[in-house]
Structure formats: structure tokens, C-alpha cells
Amino acid sequence: MRFDLFWVLMGRTAYVFAPLYLIPFAYGIIVGDASTGFFPVLSVLTFILGMVFGNMGRSHMRQLSVQEGTLFLLVVWFFLALLGMLPFHLAGLHLSPINTFFESISALTTTGLTALPEDLPPALLLWRGLMSWFGGLLFVVILVTVQPVVGGCFGVDFSVRQERLFSPLWNRMTRPMHEMTLLYIAITIAAALLYLAGGDTVFSALLLALYTIASGAGPMVGDLPPTPSLMLAGGLSALLSALPLLTIRQLLRRRGEVDVLRHTELHAFCLLFLAAGLALTMPPLLRGTSSPIDAIAHGFFYAISFLSTNGLLLAGAIPVHGGAVLLLTLLAIIGGCMGSAAGGFRISRLLVLLSLSWTELRRTLHPRIVFAVRQGGMPIPIHSVGRVLVLSFFFAAVFSVSSLLISLANLAPIETIALTVSCLTTTGGVAGLVHMDTAAALPAWTKIICAFLMILGRIEIFAFFLFIGALFKDTGHNW
């Protein structure tokens, strides 16, 4: 089997990744840091590698196959992690390869967990933020190009006409790539301006914008000062990262075809955000531990922070009561809207499961009546419903098995659950809720498992089991 488009996708990814090395290099020149001279060399080598990959797939005028798409979804994260860990070693910090690989995977998958010391040079801090931002961009682009081919468009966005949006043909994949990239850059600039308006410094505002829009804020970023202006900037930036960019793109392209006011997933997102914010506000008010203004501000900030799977925490304001920790963990598991950089199971799929449950209850009462699973008044194809059910099972199975494995690292049960949820939902802040601000003390094998879980969470698990199924199928044919 030929894998021409796989190499083309790998080559294009390397092309886009190569210029990122020049940004820390330029920053080093501005601040007078002479230790960043290796970044241009890495940029050139990565560009050459992209040329090699592109040449290997030069005869790609055909459709992307499921096998190619699945292989790309798995390999690209390891490939970028290897490229991303090189600056940490070339900077002469004498770091462990396991720690730098874990750090790169955590940044690229927008998880936000860290295993490195806090006193990194500014150029490496910027590089880590750029990796997180690029990982969020890569996920958004994959969602409108490769993921529909691999997952069959299940649960991408049930409010738009999917058959007109996606095509496995390469020349039809390039346009949504460019559009989603420009939209992603635009909201990143908006987030940086919000942080600047909130009184943050230029460098810190840029880092926070890179992490927040990618939904990668967490222990890697540190705690945000609980000032009203920065909390508002962080909350609005987290909201931008959780919105359905796919729907916004369609709204910009075809005005009138997508009615945002009737968008079911957006309605559910807003209701869940309001309900969670109120639930987090009430305990401090009832206990008298916070003023009404502080309780409301902190409650709604944490609600959007974890619903967007950012996991950004406030300095000295971590909710300590168990009910808040449980609620924030559940918000991270649910995640943001489809078509956004946020992780988690996604609200749209949760709505499908709820609709299916209600439909089956009604079918039990009226067995002869034909019911359809609907979302937003539109019937959902039965194969899409089936894929959401399969994904739910895989998510639960992977969570159970990985929790048992991680528990062997001599962690407390709550730490085991928090770390597993952090990796599978790409929300490092869940681990921060139980004061696991760093993964440096974890055994090497645990970090490898966690890195693999982060990748599974980013590719939404389904692609991995498709890949395993294809391997067993090929083995069966050989036997």
C-alpha cells in the first residue's frame, strides 16, 4: 500500500513547524541572549526534512485513505515531540530525555503538565508556549481535514452540512487548513490584547495567549494573579478557546446558513457554564469565606477555565472543598465545543448520548413507534450515533486500565484519578487541583504512560484502535 499523502502531510507539518524556531531566536537577539544560536540550524534542518517528506509523496493526486490518516494522527505527535525536545538539550541544561520528551508531548497536546524546573531561560519558555500553540492549531486543522476521514465525521458538528464541508481530496483539504489557521491566529491576537489590557507585561501576555487559546494553560503556566482585570482577560480567552471554530468558520463563509442563535451545542455550553459557575459560587457564599463579588468572580472563572480544558488556576484561590474539585474534574471530562482546540469528551457527543438515552426510554414505552436520535431538531445518522457509543466505551476502558497502571507509581487514589483525567482530557489543571503541580517526581515509566495517554486524548482514542484493528487484520491475513 502506498502512503503518498501521509508523507505529504508530514512534510507540510514540518514546513509549518520549521519557522517556529526563528521566533525564540529573534527574541534572544532582542534581549541579548547569545545562547539561542542553535534555533536557526534546527529551523533549516526541519525545513529540509519537510522537503524530503514532500518528495517522498510527490505523486499524491488521489484520495486520503483511512490507513494513511490513522498513521498520520499517531506518528505526527511523536515526530513533533522529537523536534520539540531538541532545544532543551542544545541549551546545555543537562535535562533527562524522558523529561524533555514528556514536556514536549505535554505542550504539543496542550495538556500543560510539566516535568522541568521552573527557572528555564526565557527563550525556552517562549519555545514551550509556541509548541503548545502549534499543537492546538494542528488539532484544529486535523479536525477539518484528516479526522473526518478517519472517524467518519462522527460528532464533528451536527448543526452544519458535513458532506459539503469535508473531502479526502488533498486540493479540497487545503482551503479549510488556511481558513482555520487564519481564524486561530486572529483569536490568539485577540487574547494577547486582552491580557495586555488587563495590565500584564508584553512577554507574559504573549505566553498566556499562546497557552490559553490552545487550551494548554495549567501547571506549565503557573498560577494567575487573582486581579479582576487578569481574571476577566483569562476567562474571555478561555471562552474563545472553547467556542466551535468550525461553526464560526462556516458563519464567516456562508452568512445565513449557520444560525448561531439556534446552535444546540452552544446553548448547552452556555447553560453548563452558568450552572457550573453558580454551583462553584454558592459554597463560599454559604460558608462566608468569600465576599459575594469574589465568590462570583472565582466561581465563573474556574467554570470556564476547566470547561475549556485550560485548567488555569488562580494564585492562592484553589477550591479546597471536595465538591468543587469533583465538579471541575467533571467539567474537564466533558470539555468544550466540537471544532475548538479544547479537549475532553465534547458537549456535542454528550448531547447525543442523552438524546439516545431518552429515545430508548420512549421506545420502551412505545415499542411500535419509530423514534430518531436528534440534535437541534436534526436527525443524527445511526452510524454517527454508533461511533459516539464506541468512543464512549473506549474512553471508559482506557481510563480504567490506565488508572490501574498509574496507581502502581505509589500515588494516592485521588492523585491517580486526577493524573489520568489530566492526560486523557489534556487538562493539566486537574492534577493541579490535588497539588500535583509537577510530574518531575514520577517514575520514568509513568511519564511514558502519561505521554501516551496525552496523545490518545488528543487523537480522541478512536484513531488508535483503528490502527490496532488494521494491524490485527493484516496479521490475520498473513496467517
Protein backbone atom coordinates (compact mmCIF):
# COMPACT_ATOMS: atom_id res chain seq x y z
CA MET A 1 0.00 0.00 0.00
CA ARG A 2 1.27 3.47 -0.93
CA PHE A 3 1.37 6.25 1.66
CA ASP A 4 1.93 9.27 -0.57
CA LEU A 5 -0.44 11.61 1.25
CA PHE A 6 0.94 10.53 4.61
CA TRP A 7 4.35 11.83 3.58
CA VAL A 8 2.80 14.97 2.13
CA LEU A 9 1.04 15.68 5.43
CA MET A 10 4.23 15.02 7.39
CA GLY A 11 6.14 17.31 5.04
CA ARG A 12 3.62 20.14 5.32
CA THR A 13 3.67 19.82 9.10
CA ALA A 14 7.47 20.11 9.09
CA TYR A 15 7.26 23.15 6.79
CA VAL A 16 4.93 24.95 9.18
CA PHE A 17 6.85 23.86 12.28
CA ALA A 18 10.26 25.00 10.96
CA PRO A 19 9.64 28.80 11.17
CA LEU A 20 8.64 28.50 14.83
CA TYR A 21 12.31 28.01 15.74
CA LEU A 22 13.07 31.51 14.47
CA ILE A 23 10.76 33.22 16.98
CA PRO A 24 12.78 32.29 20.12
CA PHE A 25 15.93 33.11 18.14
CA ALA A 26 14.64 36.60 17.33
CA TYR A 27 13.60 37.07 20.94
CA GLY A 28 17.07 36.04 22.07
CA ILE A 29 18.61 38.67 19.79
CA ILE A 30 16.28 41.35 21.17
CA VAL A 31 17.06 40.60 24.82
CA GLY A 32 20.73 39.89 24.17
CA ASP A 33 20.66 36.15 24.81
CA ALA A 34 23.53 34.64 22.79
CA SER A 35 22.69 31.04 23.70
CA THR A 36 19.87 30.75 21.14
CA GLY A 37 22.08 30.36 18.07
CA PHE A 38 21.05 26.75 17.54
CA PHE A 39 17.43 27.67 16.70
CA PRO A 40 18.13 28.73 13.04
CA VAL A 41 20.05 25.48 12.49
CA LEU A 42 17.08 23.47 13.73
CA SER A 43 14.80 25.53 11.50
CA VAL A 44 16.85 24.75 8.40
CA LEU A 45 17.14 21.06 9.24
CA THR A 46 13.39 20.78 9.86
CA PHE A 47 12.67 22.54 6.56
CA ILE A 48 14.98 20.13 4.73
CA LEU A 49 13.24 17.23 6.43
CA GLY A 50 9.92 18.62 5.19
CA MET A 51 11.33 18.74 1.66
CA VAL A 52 12.40 15.10 1.94
CA PHE A 53 8.97 14.04 3.15
CA GLY A 54 7.27 16.07 0.45
CA ASN A 55 9.43 14.49 -2.24
CA MET A 56 8.53 11.02 -0.94
CA GLY A 57 4.84 11.82 -1.52
CA ARG A 58 5.15 13.89 -4.67
CA SER A 59 2.75 11.63 -6.65
CA HIS A 60 -0.21 12.16 -4.33
CA MET A 61 -3.03 13.06 -6.70
CA ARG A 62 -5.57 10.77 -5.09
CA GLN A 63 -7.78 10.48 -2.00
CA LEU A 64 -6.54 10.18 1.55
CA SER A 65 -7.14 6.67 2.87
CA VAL A 66 -8.19 5.77 6.39
CA GLN A 67 -4.89 3.93 6.91
CA GLU A 68 -2.87 6.99 5.92
CA GLY A 69 -4.95 9.28 8.10
CA THR A 70 -4.69 6.97 11.10
CA LEU A 71 -0.94 6.60 10.72
CA PHE A 72 -0.52 10.38 10.45
CA LEU A 73 -2.60 11.04 13.57
CA LEU A 74 -0.35 8.74 15.58
CA VAL A 75 3.09 9.48 14.14
CA VAL A 76 2.89 13.27 13.87
CA TRP A 77 2.85 13.81 17.66
CA PHE A 78 5.94 11.64 18.21
CA PHE A 79 7.67 13.34 15.29
CA LEU A 80 6.98 16.84 16.61
CA ALA A 81 7.91 15.83 20.16
CA LEU A 82 11.34 14.69 18.96
CA LEU A 83 11.81 18.00 17.18
CA GLY A 84 10.46 19.95 20.13
CA MET A 85 12.75 18.39 22.73
CA LEU A 86 15.97 19.27 20.88
CA PRO A 87 16.19 22.92 22.08
CA PHE A 88 16.04 21.81 25.71
CA HIS A 89 19.13 19.65 25.19
CA LEU A 90 21.06 22.05 22.94
CA ALA A 91 20.62 24.79 25.54
CA GLY A 92 23.00 22.85 27.79
CA LEU A 93 20.64 22.39 30.73
CA HIS A 94 21.58 18.70 31.25
CA LEU A 95 17.97 17.52 31.35
CA SER A 96 16.75 13.94 31.15
CA PRO A 97 15.49 12.85 27.69
CA ILE A 98 12.43 11.32 29.36
CA ASN A 99 11.60 14.67 30.98
CA THR A 100 12.09 16.67 27.79
CA PHE A 101 10.05 14.19 25.74
CA PHE A 102 7.30 14.34 28.38
CA GLU A 103 7.47 18.15 28.33
CA SER A 104 7.22 18.29 24.54
CA ILE A 105 4.28 15.89 24.40
CA SER A 106 2.54 17.78 27.19
CA ALA A 107 2.98 21.09 25.37
CA LEU A 108 2.03 19.80 21.91
CA THR A 109 -1.08 18.04 23.16
CA THR A 110 -1.98 21.21 25.14
CA THR A 111 -2.06 19.31 28.43
CA GLY A 112 0.08 21.72 30.41
CA LEU A 113 1.74 19.26 32.77
CA THR A 114 5.43 19.90 33.37
CA ALA A 115 8.42 17.86 34.50
CA LEU A 116 11.08 20.56 34.10
CA PRO A 117 12.34 23.13 36.62
CA GLU A 118 10.61 26.48 36.84
CA ASP A 119 13.73 28.57 36.16
CA LEU A 120 14.00 27.90 32.42
CA PRO A 121 15.58 30.60 30.23
CA PRO A 122 13.03 32.99 28.66
CA ALA A 123 13.75 31.68 25.15
CA LEU A 124 12.86 28.13 26.21
CA LEU A 125 9.73 29.38 28.00
CA LEU A 126 8.68 31.01 24.74
CA TRP A 127 9.54 27.85 22.80
CA ARG A 128 7.37 25.76 25.11
CA GLY A 129 4.48 28.20 24.65
CA LEU A 130 4.90 28.08 20.88
CA MET A 131 4.78 24.29 20.92
CA SER A 132 1.52 24.40 22.88
CA TRP A 133 0.05 26.96 20.48
CA PHE A 134 1.12 24.94 17.45
CA GLY A 135 -0.33 21.77 18.98
CA GLY A 136 -3.70 23.48 19.34
CA LEU A 137 -3.51 24.73 15.76
CA LEU A 138 -2.55 21.29 14.48
CA PHE A 139 -5.51 19.73 16.28
CA VAL A 140 -7.95 22.28 14.83
CA VAL A 141 -6.59 21.76 11.31
CA ILE A 142 -6.68 17.98 11.71
CA LEU A 143 -10.29 18.24 12.85
CA VAL A 144 -11.40 19.65 9.49
CA THR A 145 -9.12 17.60 7.26
CA VAL A 146 -7.82 14.23 8.48
CA GLN A 147 -10.13 13.45 11.41
CA PRO A 148 -13.34 13.25 9.30
CA VAL A 149 -11.66 10.70 7.04
CA VAL A 150 -10.55 8.58 9.99
CA GLY A 151 -13.61 8.95 12.21
CA GLY A 152 -16.28 9.29 9.55
CA CYS A 153 -17.31 12.82 10.68
CA PHE A 154 -18.85 11.39 13.84
CA GLY A 155 -19.74 14.13 16.24
CA VAL A 156 -17.80 16.86 14.45
CA ASP A 157 -20.66 19.31 14.23
CA PHE A 158 -24.24 18.12 13.79
CA SER A 159 -25.52 21.62 13.07
CA VAL A 160 -23.84 22.01 9.67
CA ARG A 161 -23.93 20.07 6.41
CA GLN A 162 -20.93 17.78 6.82
CA GLU A 163 -20.99 16.23 3.38
CA ARG A 164 -20.30 19.64 1.87
CA LEU A 165 -17.57 20.54 4.33
CA PHE A 166 -15.16 17.66 4.15
CA SER A 167 -13.40 15.87 1.37
CA PRO A 168 -10.48 13.45 1.48
CA LEU A 169 -9.08 15.05 -1.69
CA TRP A 170 -5.91 16.98 -0.98
CA ASN A 171 -6.82 20.04 -3.06
CA ARG A 172 -10.07 20.40 -1.11
CA MET A 173 -8.28 19.99 2.23
CA THR A 174 -6.01 23.00 1.72
CA ARG A 175 -8.73 25.65 1.85
CA PRO A 176 -10.07 24.75 5.33
CA MET A 177 -6.45 24.48 6.50
CA HIS A 178 -5.78 28.09 5.55
CA GLU A 179 -9.11 29.39 6.86
CA MET A 180 -8.83 27.70 10.24
CA THR A 181 -5.21 28.83 10.60
CA LEU A 182 -6.13 32.47 10.00
CA LEU A 183 -9.05 32.24 12.41
CA TYR A 184 -6.82 30.64 15.05
CA ILE A 185 -4.20 33.38 14.66
CA ALA A 186 -6.90 36.04 14.92
CA ILE A 187 -8.26 34.79 18.25
CA THR A 188 -4.68 34.41 19.55
CA ILE A 189 -4.03 38.09 18.81
CA ALA A 190 -7.31 38.96 20.49
CA ALA A 191 -6.31 37.01 23.59
CA ALA A 192 -2.91 38.72 23.75
CA LEU A 193 -4.61 42.12 23.55
CA LEU A 194 -6.98 41.10 26.34
CA TYR A 195 -4.07 40.20 28.62
CA LEU A 196 -2.27 43.43 27.74
CA ALA A 197 -5.42 45.40 28.51
CA GLY A 198 -5.57 43.53 31.82
CA GLY A 199 -2.23 45.03 32.83
CA ASP A 200 0.10 42.15 32.00
CA THR A 201 3.57 42.62 30.52
CA VAL A 202 4.15 42.00 26.82
CA PHE A 203 6.10 38.74 27.23
CA SER A 204 3.75 37.31 29.85
CA ALA A 205 0.66 38.34 27.85
CA LEU A 206 2.05 36.61 24.76
CA LEU A 207 2.79 33.40 26.68
CA LEU A 208 -0.63 33.38 28.34
CA ALA A 209 -2.34 33.97 24.98
CA LEU A 210 -0.40 31.12 23.35
CA TYR A 211 -1.31 28.70 26.13
CA THR A 212 -4.91 29.81 26.69
CA ILE A 213 -6.07 29.80 23.07
CA ALA A 214 -4.54 26.34 22.68
CA SER A 215 -6.40 25.25 25.84
CA GLY A 216 -3.00 24.33 27.27
CA ALA A 217 -2.79 26.53 30.36
CA GLY A 218 -2.17 24.69 33.62
CA PRO A 219 0.79 23.85 35.87
CA MET A 220 3.10 24.65 32.93
CA VAL A 221 1.90 28.27 33.05
CA GLY A 222 1.70 28.68 36.81
CA ASP A 223 -0.98 30.39 38.83
CA LEU A 224 -2.60 33.56 37.51
CA PRO A 225 -2.64 36.59 39.84
CA PRO A 226 -6.26 36.93 41.06
CA THR A 227 -6.70 40.53 39.93
CA PRO A 228 -10.11 41.38 38.39
CA SER A 229 -8.61 42.56 35.08
CA LEU A 230 -6.43 39.47 34.55
CA MET A 231 -9.24 37.14 35.63
CA LEU A 232 -11.54 38.77 33.07
CA ALA A 233 -8.85 38.51 30.37
CA GLY A 234 -8.17 34.87 31.22
CA GLY A 235 -11.85 33.99 31.31
CA LEU A 236 -12.58 35.62 27.95
CA SER A 237 -9.53 33.98 26.37
CA ALA A 238 -10.58 30.59 27.71
CA LEU A 239 -14.06 31.21 26.29
CA LEU A 240 -12.54 31.91 22.86
CA SER A 241 -10.62 28.64 23.02
CA ALA A 242 -13.78 26.62 23.77
CA LEU A 243 -16.03 28.08 21.06
CA PRO A 244 -16.79 25.97 17.96
CA LEU A 245 -14.35 27.43 15.45
CA LEU A 246 -15.77 25.15 12.78
CA THR A 247 -19.18 26.80 13.11
CA ILE A 248 -17.62 30.27 13.22
CA ARG A 249 -15.73 29.44 10.03
CA GLN A 250 -18.94 28.37 8.34
CA LEU A 251 -20.67 31.51 9.57
CA LEU A 252 -17.95 33.66 8.02
CA ARG A 253 -18.04 31.72 4.75
CA ARG A 254 -21.80 31.37 4.25
CA ARG A 255 -23.76 34.01 6.06
CA GLY A 256 -27.25 32.85 6.84
CA GLU A 257 -26.65 29.11 6.52
CA VAL A 258 -25.50 28.69 10.12
CA ASP A 259 -27.80 30.18 12.74
CA VAL A 260 -25.71 30.63 15.87
CA LEU A 261 -28.79 31.51 17.91
CA ARG A 262 -30.17 28.01 17.23
CA HIS A 263 -26.91 26.19 17.76
CA THR A 264 -27.77 23.40 20.21
CA GLU A 265 -24.24 22.77 21.36
CA LEU A 266 -23.65 26.47 22.05
CA HIS A 267 -26.87 26.58 24.09
CA ALA A 268 -25.76 23.57 26.11
CA PHE A 269 -22.30 25.04 26.58
CA CYS A 270 -23.71 28.32 27.92
CA LEU A 271 -26.17 26.57 30.22
CA LEU A 272 -23.48 24.26 31.57
CA PHE A 273 -21.14 27.19 32.11
CA LEU A 274 -23.79 29.17 34.00
CA ALA A 275 -24.86 26.18 36.10
CA ALA A 276 -21.26 25.28 36.97
CA GLY A 277 -20.42 28.89 37.80
CA LEU A 278 -23.36 29.16 40.17
CA ALA A 279 -22.54 25.79 41.77
CA LEU A 280 -18.97 26.93 42.42
CA THR A 281 -20.18 30.29 43.75
CA MET A 282 -22.64 29.02 46.36
CA PRO A 283 -20.34 27.13 48.84
CA PRO A 284 -18.06 30.13 49.60
CA LEU A 285 -21.13 32.33 50.00
CA LEU A 286 -22.88 29.91 52.33
CA ARG A 287 -19.76 29.38 54.40
CA GLY A 288 -18.96 33.09 54.50
CA THR A 289 -15.36 32.51 53.38
CA SER A 290 -15.53 34.98 50.47
CA SER A 291 -17.28 38.17 49.61
CA PRO A 292 -20.11 37.92 47.06
CA ILE A 293 -18.04 39.61 44.34
CA ASP A 294 -15.00 37.35 44.91
CA ALA A 295 -17.14 34.22 45.09
CA ILE A 296 -18.89 35.02 41.78
CA ALA A 297 -15.66 36.01 40.03
CA HIS A 298 -13.74 32.94 41.20
CA GLY A 299 -16.64 30.56 40.57
CA PHE A 300 -17.25 31.60 36.96
CA PHE A 301 -13.53 31.89 36.23
CA TYR A 302 -12.92 28.30 37.29
CA ALA A 303 -16.03 27.13 35.43
CA ILE A 304 -14.82 28.45 32.06
CA SER A 305 -11.19 27.53 32.82
CA PHE A 306 -11.98 23.83 33.23
CA LEU A 307 -14.86 23.62 30.76
CA SER A 308 -12.44 24.88 28.12
CA THR A 309 -9.91 22.29 29.42
CA ASN A 310 -7.39 25.05 30.12
CA GLY A 311 -7.10 24.27 33.82
CA LEU A 312 -5.73 27.74 34.57
CA LEU A 313 -5.61 28.25 38.35
CA LEU A 314 -5.60 31.41 40.45
CA ALA A 315 -2.80 32.05 42.91
CA GLY A 316 -3.99 31.19 46.41
CA ALA A 317 -7.57 30.61 45.30
CA ILE A 318 -7.72 26.88 44.54
CA PRO A 319 -11.09 25.50 45.66
CA VAL A 320 -10.27 23.12 48.51
CA HIS A 321 -13.65 21.53 49.19
CA GLY A 322 -14.20 18.17 47.57
CA GLY A 323 -17.39 19.16 45.78
CA ALA A 324 -15.62 21.86 43.77
CA VAL A 325 -12.75 19.54 42.83
CA LEU A 326 -15.21 16.89 41.64
CA LEU A 327 -17.24 19.41 39.64
CA LEU A 328 -14.16 20.87 37.95
CA THR A 329 -12.96 17.37 37.11
CA LEU A 330 -16.32 16.56 35.51
CA LEU A 331 -16.18 19.82 33.52
CA ALA A 332 -12.75 18.84 32.18
CA ILE A 333 -14.06 15.41 31.19
CA ILE A 334 -16.98 16.99 29.31
CA GLY A 335 -14.77 19.58 27.61
CA GLY A 336 -15.64 22.34 25.16
CA CYS A 337 -17.46 22.51 21.84
CA MET A 338 -16.61 20.48 18.77
CA GLY A 339 -14.40 22.35 16.34
CA SER A 340 -12.43 24.08 19.10
CA ALA A 341 -8.94 23.45 20.46
CA ALA A 342 -10.42 22.25 23.77
CA GLY A 343 -10.12 18.61 24.78
CA GLY A 344 -12.44 16.31 26.70
CA PHE A 345 -15.31 14.17 25.51
CA ARG A 346 -17.12 17.21 23.99
CA ILE A 347 -20.56 18.60 24.68
CA SER A 348 -21.95 17.60 21.29
CA ARG A 349 -21.26 13.92 21.93
CA LEU A 350 -22.71 14.15 25.43
CA LEU A 351 -25.90 15.57 23.91
CA VAL A 352 -26.03 12.64 21.51
CA LEU A 353 -25.77 10.16 24.39
CA LEU A 354 -28.51 11.98 26.32
CA SER A 355 -30.74 12.06 23.27
CA LEU A 356 -30.12 8.37 22.64
CA SER A 357 -30.96 7.51 26.26
CA TRP A 358 -34.21 9.46 26.13
CA THR A 359 -35.10 7.91 22.76
CA GLU A 360 -34.57 4.39 24.06
CA LEU A 361 -36.72 5.12 27.14
CA ARG A 362 -39.53 6.30 24.88
CA ARG A 363 -39.06 3.29 22.62
CA THR A 364 -39.52 1.02 25.64
CA LEU A 365 -42.86 2.68 26.41
CA HIS A 366 -43.95 2.75 22.76
CA PRO A 367 -42.17 -0.14 21.02
CA ARG A 368 -44.06 0.25 17.71
CA ILE A 369 -43.33 3.93 17.23
CA VAL A 370 -40.25 4.87 15.22
CA PHE A 371 -38.00 7.37 17.00
CA ALA A 372 -34.90 9.14 15.72
CA VAL A 373 -31.99 10.49 17.69
CA ARG A 374 -31.98 14.22 17.14
CA GLN A 375 -29.85 17.20 17.99
CA GLY A 376 -31.06 20.72 17.29
CA GLY A 377 -34.11 19.33 15.53
CA MET A 378 -31.98 17.42 13.02
CA PRO A 379 -31.89 13.60 12.90
CA ILE A 380 -28.44 12.13 13.52
CA PRO A 381 -27.37 9.22 11.28
CA ILE A 382 -27.39 5.93 13.13
CA HIS A 383 -23.74 5.24 12.19
CA SER A 384 -22.71 8.53 13.82
CA VAL A 385 -24.60 7.57 16.98
CA GLY A 386 -22.88 4.20 16.96
CA ARG A 387 -19.45 5.79 16.69
CA VAL A 388 -20.17 8.07 19.63
CA LEU A 389 -21.17 5.00 21.66
CA VAL A 390 -17.97 3.21 20.64
CA LEU A 391 -15.91 6.24 21.57
CA SER A 392 -17.63 6.35 24.98
CA PHE A 393 -16.74 2.73 25.61
CA PHE A 394 -13.13 3.21 24.52
CA PHE A 395 -12.81 6.29 26.72
CA ALA A 396 -14.10 4.44 29.78
CA ALA A 397 -11.96 1.37 29.06
CA VAL A 398 -8.76 3.35 28.54
CA PHE A 399 -9.45 5.40 31.67
CA SER A 400 -9.92 2.27 33.78
CA VAL A 401 -6.86 0.42 32.53
CA SER A 402 -4.57 3.45 32.62
CA SER A 403 -5.69 4.35 36.15
CA LEU A 404 -4.69 0.87 37.33
CA LEU A 405 -1.29 1.22 35.67
CA ILE A 406 -0.62 4.72 37.01
CA SER A 407 -1.64 3.65 40.52
CA LEU A 408 1.44 1.39 40.55
CA ALA A 409 3.55 4.55 40.91
CA ASN A 410 2.52 4.63 44.60
CA LEU A 411 0.11 7.52 44.15
CA ALA A 412 -2.95 8.18 46.27
CA PRO A 413 -6.28 7.24 44.63
CA ILE A 414 -7.29 10.88 44.13
CA GLU A 415 -3.87 11.64 42.60
CA THR A 416 -4.18 8.65 40.27
CA ILE A 417 -7.61 9.73 39.05
CA ALA A 418 -6.56 13.37 38.67
CA LEU A 419 -3.43 12.48 36.69
CA THR A 420 -5.33 10.10 34.40
CA VAL A 421 -8.07 12.65 33.75
CA SER A 422 -5.44 15.32 33.12
CA CYS A 423 -3.78 13.22 30.42
CA LEU A 424 -6.90 11.88 28.68
CA THR A 425 -8.69 15.24 28.64
CA THR A 426 -5.48 17.28 28.08
CA THR A 427 -6.30 19.36 31.18
CA GLY A 428 -3.22 19.59 33.36
CA GLY A 429 -5.06 21.79 35.84
CA VAL A 430 -6.95 18.75 37.16
CA ALA A 431 -3.66 17.46 38.55
CA GLY A 432 -3.05 20.93 39.97
CA LEU A 433 -6.28 20.65 41.97
CA VAL A 434 -4.69 17.88 44.04
CA HIS A 435 -1.38 19.78 44.26
CA MET A 436 0.43 17.75 41.61
CA ASP A 437 1.98 20.86 40.08
CA THR A 438 4.92 18.93 38.65
CA ALA A 439 5.48 15.44 37.27
CA ALA A 440 9.23 15.51 37.91
CA ALA A 441 8.98 13.04 40.81
CA LEU A 442 7.07 10.42 38.81
CA PRO A 443 8.95 7.29 37.68
CA ALA A 444 10.18 7.28 34.10
CA TRP A 445 7.77 4.53 33.06
CA THR A 446 4.84 6.52 34.47
CA LYS A 447 5.84 9.56 32.41
CA ILE A 448 5.94 7.40 29.28
CA ILE A 449 2.43 6.08 30.00
CA CYS A 450 1.18 9.59 30.68
CA ALA A 451 2.73 10.87 27.42
CA PHE A 452 0.99 8.09 25.51
CA LEU A 453 -2.32 8.92 27.22
CA MET A 454 -1.93 12.57 26.23
CA ILE A 455 -1.59 11.52 22.59
CA LEU A 456 -4.63 9.24 22.90
CA GLY A 457 -6.58 12.12 24.37
CA ARG A 458 -5.58 14.42 21.54
CA ILE A 459 -6.36 11.99 18.72
CA GLU A 460 -9.59 11.12 20.57
CA ILE A 461 -8.67 7.44 21.05
CA PHE A 462 -10.69 6.25 18.05
CA ALA A 463 -7.76 6.50 15.60
CA PHE A 464 -5.52 4.39 17.82
CA PHE A 465 -7.95 1.48 17.95
CA LEU A 466 -8.48 1.74 14.20
CA PHE A 467 -4.72 1.40 13.80
CA ILE A 468 -4.62 -1.61 16.16
CA GLY A 469 -7.56 -3.17 14.32
CA ALA A 470 -5.78 -2.75 10.99
CA LEU A 471 -2.66 -4.43 12.38
CA PHE A 472 -4.66 -7.42 13.61
CA LYS A 473 -6.48 -7.62 10.30
CA ASP A 474 -3.23 -7.66 8.37
CA THR A 475 -1.81 -10.27 10.75
CA GLY A 476 -4.90 -12.40 10.28
CA HIS A 477 -4.48 -12.27 6.52
CA ASN A 478 -0.84 -13.30 6.84
CA TRP A 479 -1.79 -16.28 8.98
